[in-house]
């Protein structure tokens, strides 16, 4: 038996984020230890919910303490039975996801096997990634273009970015024109061989999203991400009927049944489930399998920390319907790369999946102590937490 006997919760960060760090300033890490001395790590989502997520981890720990690590399905279902509001509680689901990830980390260590060999084997040897976060502080088309060139020079063959400034719900003619100028500048800067992925952050109504789609069609973008508010199913249907663009969405779904809604209605081409808020490895594998049945490819959301990044790479290498992986690794604050001893570097636009047992990474526990903080996540009332730093507010600057 390999029972969980100790549970520790770490809030890590740097207080107010450094320039360009944005949402990456805070991280929630779970550490579980077993009676035979094995240690596993999981990660939970912080985004403006640090304190309630930490409390949710404490609640879920009441079930997992003294549980057998290998019983991942039983443990998941038992918490579902106890938590009356699952699967509608984000805080509960991300906490459960962290325990699931940490459990799989230990399972790999006990068996001396990297996770990908346990959950499906090596389907591919390296993971193609797209850069995100690379356009921090860019507002004008020439700034986006110059920065894009720099990142392609690093070896990236795919770039994702949000060209819409602080427009929300509705975008006017000026905003549409400037957004197109940014997309056009990037396309001309990097050429046709680089994939462009356009992030909408789920913030437009259907009519504005359709106008944007018609503008984007000429630029051969790989996909439009969350073009419409993600809960607006009718708006997504309208968008699908009037747009030729391929759609990626799913980073906010927290259950397989939510994923099924998008899949059954034909609303998604690339599913972006997030392993840290959709049930961990156990939940994400199920979503990938169901998506495969619908002919939908996986492009997991991966915007928080290096433990999330590590477990996501393990799944990427083992599932057949994987397409491309989001990566913030090269824009992480240094301490996040040090936390995993820089075990997953991006080289030539790809990441080699680490082959050590479990998640494949070792945690530098000196970083755990150096970066331990407490309290709420940094909040800037003038810029949403999901914005890549410095790219918001250009509409207000122009018209003020």
Protein backbone atom coordinates (compact mmCIF):
# COMPACT_ATOMS: atom_id res chain seq x y z
CA UNK A 1 0.00 0.00 0.00
CA UNK A 2 1.11 3.56 -0.75
CA UNK A 3 -0.97 5.80 1.49
CA UNK A 4 -0.94 9.59 1.67
CA UNK A 5 0.23 10.59 5.14
CA UNK A 6 1.19 14.25 4.73
CA UNK A 7 -0.20 17.12 2.66
CA UNK A 8 1.38 20.56 2.23
CA UNK A 9 0.02 23.55 0.31
CA UNK A 10 2.33 26.25 -0.99
CA UNK A 11 1.43 29.67 -2.31
CA UNK A 12 4.45 30.86 -4.29
CA UNK A 13 5.11 34.20 -5.91
CA UNK A 14 6.71 37.59 -5.86
CA UNK A 15 4.00 39.93 -4.59
CA UNK A 16 3.43 42.56 -7.25
CA UNK A 17 4.50 40.98 -10.57
CA UNK A 18 7.64 42.03 -12.35
CA UNK A 19 7.31 43.67 -15.75
CA UNK A 20 5.77 41.22 -18.19
CA UNK A 21 4.97 38.58 -15.54
CA UNK A 22 1.28 39.47 -15.17
CA UNK A 23 -0.84 36.53 -14.02
CA UNK A 24 2.38 34.49 -13.58
CA UNK A 25 3.21 36.23 -10.30
CA UNK A 26 1.37 33.66 -8.13
CA UNK A 27 1.39 29.87 -8.14
CA UNK A 28 -0.38 27.28 -5.98
CA UNK A 29 1.54 24.05 -5.46
CA UNK A 30 0.41 20.90 -3.67
CA UNK A 31 2.90 18.44 -2.14
CA UNK A 32 1.78 15.03 -0.93
CA UNK A 33 3.95 12.46 0.85
CA UNK A 34 3.24 8.77 1.34
CA UNK A 35 3.89 6.39 4.21
CA UNK A 36 6.77 4.84 2.26
CA UNK A 37 8.45 8.19 1.59
CA UNK A 38 7.35 9.03 -1.96
CA UNK A 39 6.59 12.67 -2.79
CA UNK A 40 4.30 13.95 -5.52
CA UNK A 41 3.44 17.44 -6.72
CA UNK A 42 0.32 18.92 -8.24
CA UNK A 43 -0.66 22.44 -9.28
CA UNK A 44 -3.93 24.36 -8.90
CA UNK A 45 -5.20 27.44 -10.75
CA UNK A 46 -4.76 30.77 -8.90
CA UNK A 47 -6.47 33.32 -11.18
CA UNK A 48 -8.02 35.81 -8.70
CA UNK A 49 -9.08 32.87 -6.53
CA UNK A 50 -5.94 32.16 -4.54
CA UNK A 51 -7.51 32.14 -1.08
CA UNK A 52 -10.64 30.10 -1.93
CA UNK A 53 -8.55 27.59 -3.92
CA UNK A 54 -6.19 27.11 -0.98
CA UNK A 55 -9.21 26.54 1.27
CA UNK A 56 -10.61 24.07 -1.28
CA UNK A 57 -7.30 22.17 -1.21
CA UNK A 58 -7.61 21.94 2.56
CA UNK A 59 -11.14 20.62 2.22
CA UNK A 60 -10.19 17.99 -0.37
CA UNK A 61 -7.22 16.95 1.78
CA UNK A 62 -9.69 15.66 4.37
CA UNK A 63 -10.68 12.95 1.92
CA UNK A 64 -7.22 12.17 0.51
CA UNK A 65 -5.35 11.83 3.80
CA UNK A 66 -4.61 8.12 4.42
CA UNK A 67 -5.96 7.21 0.99
CA UNK A 68 -4.22 4.79 -1.37
CA UNK A 69 -2.49 6.82 -4.08
CA UNK A 70 -3.11 4.25 -6.82
CA UNK A 71 -6.91 4.43 -6.39
CA UNK A 72 -7.26 7.52 -8.57
CA UNK A 73 -10.72 6.72 -9.94
CA UNK A 74 -12.14 5.76 -6.55
CA UNK A 75 -10.69 8.87 -4.89
CA UNK A 76 -12.11 11.12 -7.59
CA UNK A 77 -15.58 9.59 -7.38
CA UNK A 78 -15.59 9.67 -3.60
CA UNK A 79 -14.93 13.40 -3.59
CA UNK A 80 -17.64 13.83 -6.22
CA UNK A 81 -20.02 12.04 -3.87
CA UNK A 82 -19.13 14.27 -0.93
CA UNK A 83 -18.96 17.62 -2.73
CA UNK A 84 -22.57 18.45 -3.48
CA UNK A 85 -21.68 21.18 -6.04
CA UNK A 86 -19.27 19.27 -8.24
CA UNK A 87 -18.79 19.61 -11.15
CA UNK A 88 -19.95 23.23 -11.02
CA UNK A 89 -17.43 24.45 -8.44
CA UNK A 90 -14.23 25.70 -10.05
CA UNK A 91 -12.38 25.88 -6.72
CA UNK A 92 -13.28 22.32 -5.80
CA UNK A 93 -12.42 20.99 -9.24
CA UNK A 94 -8.99 22.63 -9.46
CA UNK A 95 -8.20 21.35 -5.96
CA UNK A 96 -9.23 17.84 -6.97
CA UNK A 97 -7.12 18.20 -10.13
CA UNK A 98 -4.03 19.04 -8.07
CA UNK A 99 -4.48 15.92 -5.93
CA UNK A 100 -4.97 13.78 -9.03
CA UNK A 101 -1.80 15.16 -10.66
CA UNK A 102 0.24 14.64 -7.49
CA UNK A 103 -1.09 11.08 -7.22
CA UNK A 104 0.00 10.26 -10.75
CA UNK A 105 3.40 11.80 -10.02
CA UNK A 106 3.82 9.31 -7.16
CA UNK A 107 2.48 6.40 -9.21
CA UNK A 108 5.20 7.09 -11.75
CA UNK A 109 7.86 7.31 -9.06
CA UNK A 110 6.74 4.09 -7.35
CA UNK A 111 6.87 2.23 -10.66
CA UNK A 112 10.05 4.02 -11.81
CA UNK A 113 8.27 5.15 -14.98
CA UNK A 114 7.54 8.51 -16.63
CA UNK A 115 3.84 9.25 -16.67
CA UNK A 116 3.49 9.08 -20.44
CA UNK A 117 4.49 5.41 -20.46
CA UNK A 118 1.76 4.61 -17.93
CA UNK A 119 -1.08 6.48 -19.65
CA UNK A 120 -0.49 5.45 -23.26
CA UNK A 121 3.17 5.24 -24.15
CA UNK A 122 5.28 7.34 -26.46
CA UNK A 123 3.17 8.36 -29.45
CA UNK A 124 5.61 11.16 -30.38
CA UNK A 125 9.11 11.98 -29.17
CA UNK A 126 8.91 15.75 -28.92
CA UNK A 127 6.17 18.33 -28.57
CA UNK A 128 5.62 21.24 -30.94
CA UNK A 129 4.76 24.35 -28.96
CA UNK A 130 3.44 27.79 -29.76
CA UNK A 131 4.70 30.85 -27.94
CA UNK A 132 2.36 32.90 -25.79
CA UNK A 133 3.19 35.94 -23.67
CA UNK A 134 5.89 37.03 -26.15
CA UNK A 135 4.16 40.35 -26.98
CA UNK A 136 4.24 41.93 -23.52
CA UNK A 137 4.18 45.77 -23.67
CA UNK A 138 3.41 45.74 -27.43
CA UNK A 139 0.61 48.04 -28.57
CA UNK A 140 1.48 49.27 -32.05
CA UNK A 141 1.72 47.12 -35.20
CA UNK A 142 5.45 47.73 -35.65
CA UNK A 143 6.10 46.65 -32.04
CA UNK A 144 4.22 43.38 -32.56
CA UNK A 145 6.04 42.79 -35.84
CA UNK A 146 9.52 43.34 -34.42
CA UNK A 147 8.87 41.15 -31.38
CA UNK A 148 7.36 38.39 -33.55
CA UNK A 149 10.52 38.35 -35.67
CA UNK A 150 12.62 37.91 -32.53
CA UNK A 151 10.58 34.93 -31.37
CA UNK A 152 10.66 33.22 -34.73
CA UNK A 153 14.44 33.68 -34.62
CA UNK A 154 14.37 31.66 -31.38
CA UNK A 155 12.94 28.75 -33.38
CA UNK A 156 9.19 29.10 -32.79
CA UNK A 157 7.04 28.25 -35.79
CA UNK A 158 3.74 29.27 -34.17
CA UNK A 159 2.76 32.42 -32.26
CA UNK A 160 -0.43 33.25 -30.40
CA UNK A 161 -1.44 36.81 -29.58
CA UNK A 162 -4.35 39.08 -28.73
CA UNK A 163 -4.47 42.14 -31.01
CA UNK A 164 -7.69 43.65 -29.63
CA UNK A 165 -6.47 46.02 -26.92
CA UNK A 166 -9.14 46.75 -24.32
CA UNK A 167 -12.18 46.22 -26.52
CA UNK A 168 -14.80 44.16 -24.72
CA UNK A 169 -18.15 42.84 -26.03
CA UNK A 170 -18.30 45.31 -28.92
CA UNK A 171 -15.53 46.35 -31.29
CA UNK A 172 -15.93 49.49 -33.41
CA UNK A 173 -14.49 50.31 -36.82
CA UNK A 174 -11.34 51.87 -35.43
CA UNK A 175 -10.65 48.87 -33.20
CA UNK A 176 -11.22 46.48 -36.08
CA UNK A 177 -8.88 48.47 -38.30
CA UNK A 178 -6.08 48.65 -35.75
CA UNK A 179 -6.44 44.97 -34.87
CA UNK A 180 -6.10 44.10 -38.53
CA UNK A 181 -3.03 46.32 -38.82
CA UNK A 182 -1.42 44.35 -35.97
CA UNK A 183 -2.26 40.96 -37.49
CA UNK A 184 -1.10 42.09 -40.92
CA UNK A 185 2.18 43.44 -39.51
CA UNK A 186 2.91 40.14 -37.75
CA UNK A 187 2.05 38.11 -40.84
CA UNK A 188 4.29 40.22 -43.06
CA UNK A 189 7.05 40.08 -40.48
CA UNK A 190 7.18 36.29 -40.09
CA UNK A 191 5.91 35.10 -43.47
CA UNK A 192 3.42 32.41 -44.37
CA UNK A 193 5.35 29.49 -42.87
CA UNK A 194 4.63 30.55 -39.28
CA UNK A 195 1.26 29.65 -37.79
CA UNK A 196 -0.67 32.54 -36.24
CA UNK A 197 -3.21 31.82 -33.51
CA UNK A 198 -5.53 34.67 -32.56
CA UNK A 199 -6.57 34.95 -28.93
CA UNK A 200 -9.94 36.62 -28.26
CA UNK A 201 -10.07 35.75 -24.54
CA UNK A 202 -13.79 34.92 -24.83
CA UNK A 203 -14.77 38.56 -24.55
CA UNK A 204 -16.83 39.45 -27.64
CA UNK A 205 -20.49 39.19 -28.47
CA UNK A 206 -21.30 37.10 -31.52
CA UNK A 207 -21.81 40.04 -33.91
CA UNK A 208 -18.42 41.60 -33.12
CA UNK A 209 -16.71 38.19 -33.25
CA UNK A 210 -18.16 37.59 -36.71
CA UNK A 211 -16.84 40.95 -37.95
CA UNK A 212 -13.42 40.02 -36.57
CA UNK A 213 -13.59 36.59 -38.25
CA UNK A 214 -14.26 38.13 -41.66
CA UNK A 215 -11.21 40.35 -41.17
CA UNK A 216 -9.01 37.40 -40.10
CA UNK A 217 -9.96 35.03 -42.90
CA UNK A 218 -7.42 36.48 -45.31
CA UNK A 219 -4.52 35.81 -42.94
CA UNK A 220 -4.77 32.00 -42.82
CA UNK A 221 -4.78 31.80 -39.04
CA UNK A 222 -4.53 28.35 -37.49
CA UNK A 223 -7.42 29.06 -35.16
CA UNK A 224 -9.49 31.71 -33.40
CA UNK A 225 -9.44 31.08 -29.67
CA UNK A 226 -12.59 31.72 -27.60
CA UNK A 227 -14.07 34.18 -30.12
CA UNK A 228 -17.33 34.51 -28.14
CA UNK A 229 -18.09 34.50 -24.42
CA UNK A 230 -17.64 30.76 -23.72
CA UNK A 231 -20.96 30.31 -21.91
CA UNK A 232 -22.85 31.88 -24.84
CA UNK A 233 -23.68 28.66 -26.68
CA UNK A 234 -26.18 30.37 -29.00
CA UNK A 235 -23.57 33.01 -29.83
CA UNK A 236 -21.05 30.28 -30.64
CA UNK A 237 -23.59 28.60 -32.92
CA UNK A 238 -24.16 31.90 -34.73
CA UNK A 239 -20.40 32.38 -35.06
CA UNK A 240 -19.94 28.88 -36.48
CA UNK A 241 -22.68 29.46 -39.04
CA UNK A 242 -21.14 32.70 -40.32
CA UNK A 243 -17.39 32.16 -39.93
CA UNK A 244 -14.92 30.05 -41.87
CA UNK A 245 -12.33 30.08 -39.11
CA UNK A 246 -11.41 27.04 -37.05
CA UNK A 247 -12.29 27.47 -33.38
CA UNK A 248 -10.31 26.58 -30.27
CA UNK A 249 -11.92 26.73 -26.84
CA UNK A 250 -12.26 24.88 -23.57
CA UNK A 251 -9.76 26.33 -21.09
CA UNK A 252 -12.61 27.15 -18.68
CA UNK A 253 -14.45 23.83 -18.78
CA UNK A 254 -14.30 21.85 -15.55
CA UNK A 255 -16.04 18.60 -16.45
CA UNK A 256 -16.36 16.05 -19.23
CA UNK A 257 -20.05 16.90 -19.62
CA UNK A 258 -19.17 20.55 -20.33
CA UNK A 259 -16.71 19.39 -22.98
CA UNK A 260 -19.43 17.21 -24.48
CA UNK A 261 -21.69 20.21 -24.94
CA UNK A 262 -19.15 21.85 -27.26
CA UNK A 263 -18.36 18.57 -29.02
CA UNK A 264 -21.93 17.43 -29.60
CA UNK A 265 -22.95 20.83 -30.97
CA UNK A 266 -19.95 20.94 -33.31
CA UNK A 267 -18.71 24.20 -31.80
CA UNK A 268 -15.01 23.36 -31.47
CA UNK A 269 -12.18 22.17 -33.71
CA UNK A 270 -9.38 22.22 -31.11
CA UNK A 271 -10.21 21.45 -27.48
CA UNK A 272 -8.14 23.41 -24.96
CA UNK A 273 -8.98 21.66 -21.73
CA UNK A 274 -6.74 22.62 -18.82
CA UNK A 275 -5.37 19.67 -16.84
CA UNK A 276 -5.29 21.74 -13.65
CA UNK A 277 -9.02 22.51 -13.66
CA UNK A 278 -10.65 19.60 -15.49
CA UNK A 279 -9.95 16.70 -13.15
CA UNK A 280 -6.20 16.34 -13.50
CA UNK A 281 -4.68 13.52 -15.55
CA UNK A 282 -7.71 11.32 -15.00
CA UNK A 283 -10.18 13.91 -16.31
CA UNK A 284 -8.00 15.22 -19.14
CA UNK A 285 -7.39 11.76 -20.57
CA UNK A 286 -11.13 11.17 -20.76
CA UNK A 287 -11.69 14.50 -22.49
CA UNK A 288 -8.97 13.71 -25.04
CA UNK A 289 -10.50 10.30 -25.78
CA UNK A 290 -14.00 11.72 -26.27
CA UNK A 291 -12.62 14.56 -28.42
CA UNK A 292 -10.88 11.98 -30.61
CA UNK A 293 -14.21 10.27 -31.20
CA UNK A 294 -15.56 13.59 -32.51
CA UNK A 295 -12.54 14.24 -34.74
CA UNK A 296 -11.38 17.11 -32.52
CA UNK A 297 -7.69 17.68 -31.74
CA UNK A 298 -6.23 18.61 -28.36
CA UNK A 299 -4.29 21.79 -27.65
CA UNK A 300 -4.24 21.90 -23.85
CA UNK A 301 -4.39 25.24 -22.07
CA UNK A 302 -1.11 25.72 -20.20
CA UNK A 303 -0.68 29.22 -18.77
CA UNK A 304 0.25 28.91 -15.11
CA UNK A 305 3.32 27.15 -13.74
CA UNK A 306 6.07 24.60 -14.45
CA UNK A 307 4.33 21.66 -12.76
CA UNK A 308 1.26 22.20 -14.93
CA UNK A 309 3.61 22.46 -17.91
CA UNK A 310 5.35 19.19 -16.99
CA UNK A 311 2.18 17.12 -16.61
CA UNK A 312 0.70 18.60 -19.78
CA UNK A 313 3.78 17.58 -21.78
CA UNK A 314 3.46 14.04 -20.42
CA UNK A 315 -0.06 13.77 -21.80
CA UNK A 316 0.85 15.47 -25.07
CA UNK A 317 3.34 12.76 -25.94
CA UNK A 318 0.91 9.92 -25.30
CA UNK A 319 -2.39 10.96 -26.91
CA UNK A 320 -2.90 10.45 -30.67
CA UNK A 321 -5.13 13.50 -31.27
CA UNK A 322 -2.66 16.07 -29.94
CA UNK A 323 -2.06 19.08 -32.23
CA UNK A 324 0.12 21.76 -30.64
CA UNK A 325 0.96 22.94 -27.13
CA UNK A 326 0.71 26.40 -25.61
CA UNK A 327 3.93 27.47 -23.88
CA UNK A 328 4.80 30.39 -21.62
CA UNK A 329 8.03 28.70 -20.55
CA UNK A 330 10.35 31.31 -22.08
CA UNK A 331 8.46 34.19 -20.44
CA UNK A 332 8.19 32.59 -17.00
CA UNK A 333 9.85 34.55 -14.21
CA UNK A 334 13.22 32.91 -13.57
CA UNK A 335 12.10 31.32 -10.30
CA UNK A 336 9.50 29.20 -12.06
CA UNK A 337 12.11 27.63 -14.34
CA UNK A 338 14.44 27.15 -11.35
CA UNK A 339 11.63 25.43 -9.45
CA UNK A 340 11.84 22.48 -11.89
CA UNK A 341 15.59 22.92 -12.50
CA UNK A 342 14.89 24.08 -16.05
CA UNK A 343 13.90 20.55 -17.02
CA UNK A 344 11.60 21.43 -19.96
CA UNK A 345 13.38 24.03 -22.13
CA UNK A 346 11.99 24.96 -25.55
CA UNK A 347 14.47 24.38 -28.35
CA UNK A 348 13.67 24.94 -32.00
CA UNK A 349 10.00 25.46 -31.22
CA UNK A 350 9.73 22.03 -29.57
CA UNK A 351 10.06 20.58 -26.08
CA UNK A 352 11.56 17.20 -25.32
CA UNK A 353 9.39 15.36 -22.83
CA UNK A 354 11.39 14.61 -19.66
CA UNK A 355 11.81 10.89 -19.00
CA UNK A 356 12.36 10.81 -15.24
CA UNK A 357 9.71 8.91 -13.25
CA UNK A 358 6.35 10.58 -12.62
CA UNK A 359 5.92 14.06 -14.08
CA UNK A 360 9.54 13.95 -15.19
CA UNK A 361 10.74 16.91 -13.15
CA UNK A 362 12.39 17.34 -9.77
CA UNK A 363 11.35 20.21 -7.51
CA UNK A 364 14.02 22.47 -6.05
CA UNK A 365 12.74 22.81 -2.50
CA UNK A 366 14.95 25.82 -1.80
CA UNK A 367 12.78 27.73 -4.30
CA UNK A 368 9.69 26.56 -2.40
CA UNK A 369 10.94 28.31 0.71
CA UNK A 370 12.41 31.38 -1.03
CA UNK A 371 9.19 32.10 -2.93
CA UNK A 372 6.62 31.21 -0.30
CA UNK A 373 4.07 34.01 0.18
CA UNK A 374 0.57 34.41 1.57
CA UNK A 375 -2.46 36.51 0.75
CA UNK A 376 -4.46 37.44 -2.29
CA UNK A 377 -3.07 37.48 -5.80
CA UNK A 378 -1.90 40.86 -7.08
CA UNK A 379 -4.81 42.77 -8.60
CA UNK A 380 -4.61 45.66 -11.03
CA UNK A 381 -8.05 47.30 -11.45
CA UNK A 382 -6.89 48.92 -14.69
CA UNK A 383 -5.86 45.70 -16.45
CA UNK A 384 -7.57 42.28 -16.24
CA UNK A 385 -5.48 39.47 -14.82
CA UNK A 386 -5.69 37.48 -18.06
CA UNK A 387 -4.10 40.23 -20.17
CA UNK A 388 -0.51 39.91 -21.35
CA UNK A 389 1.03 42.84 -19.49
CA UNK A 390 1.00 46.22 -21.17
CA UNK A 391 -1.25 45.36 -24.12
CA UNK A 392 -4.45 46.75 -22.60
CA UNK A 393 -5.76 50.34 -22.64
CA UNK A 394 -4.72 51.41 -26.12
CA UNK A 395 -8.31 52.28 -27.03
CA UNK A 396 -8.68 54.59 -24.04
CA UNK A 397 -5.32 56.25 -24.67
CA UNK A 398 -6.32 57.14 -28.22
CA UNK A 399 -9.77 58.51 -27.42
CA UNK A 400 -9.12 60.19 -24.05
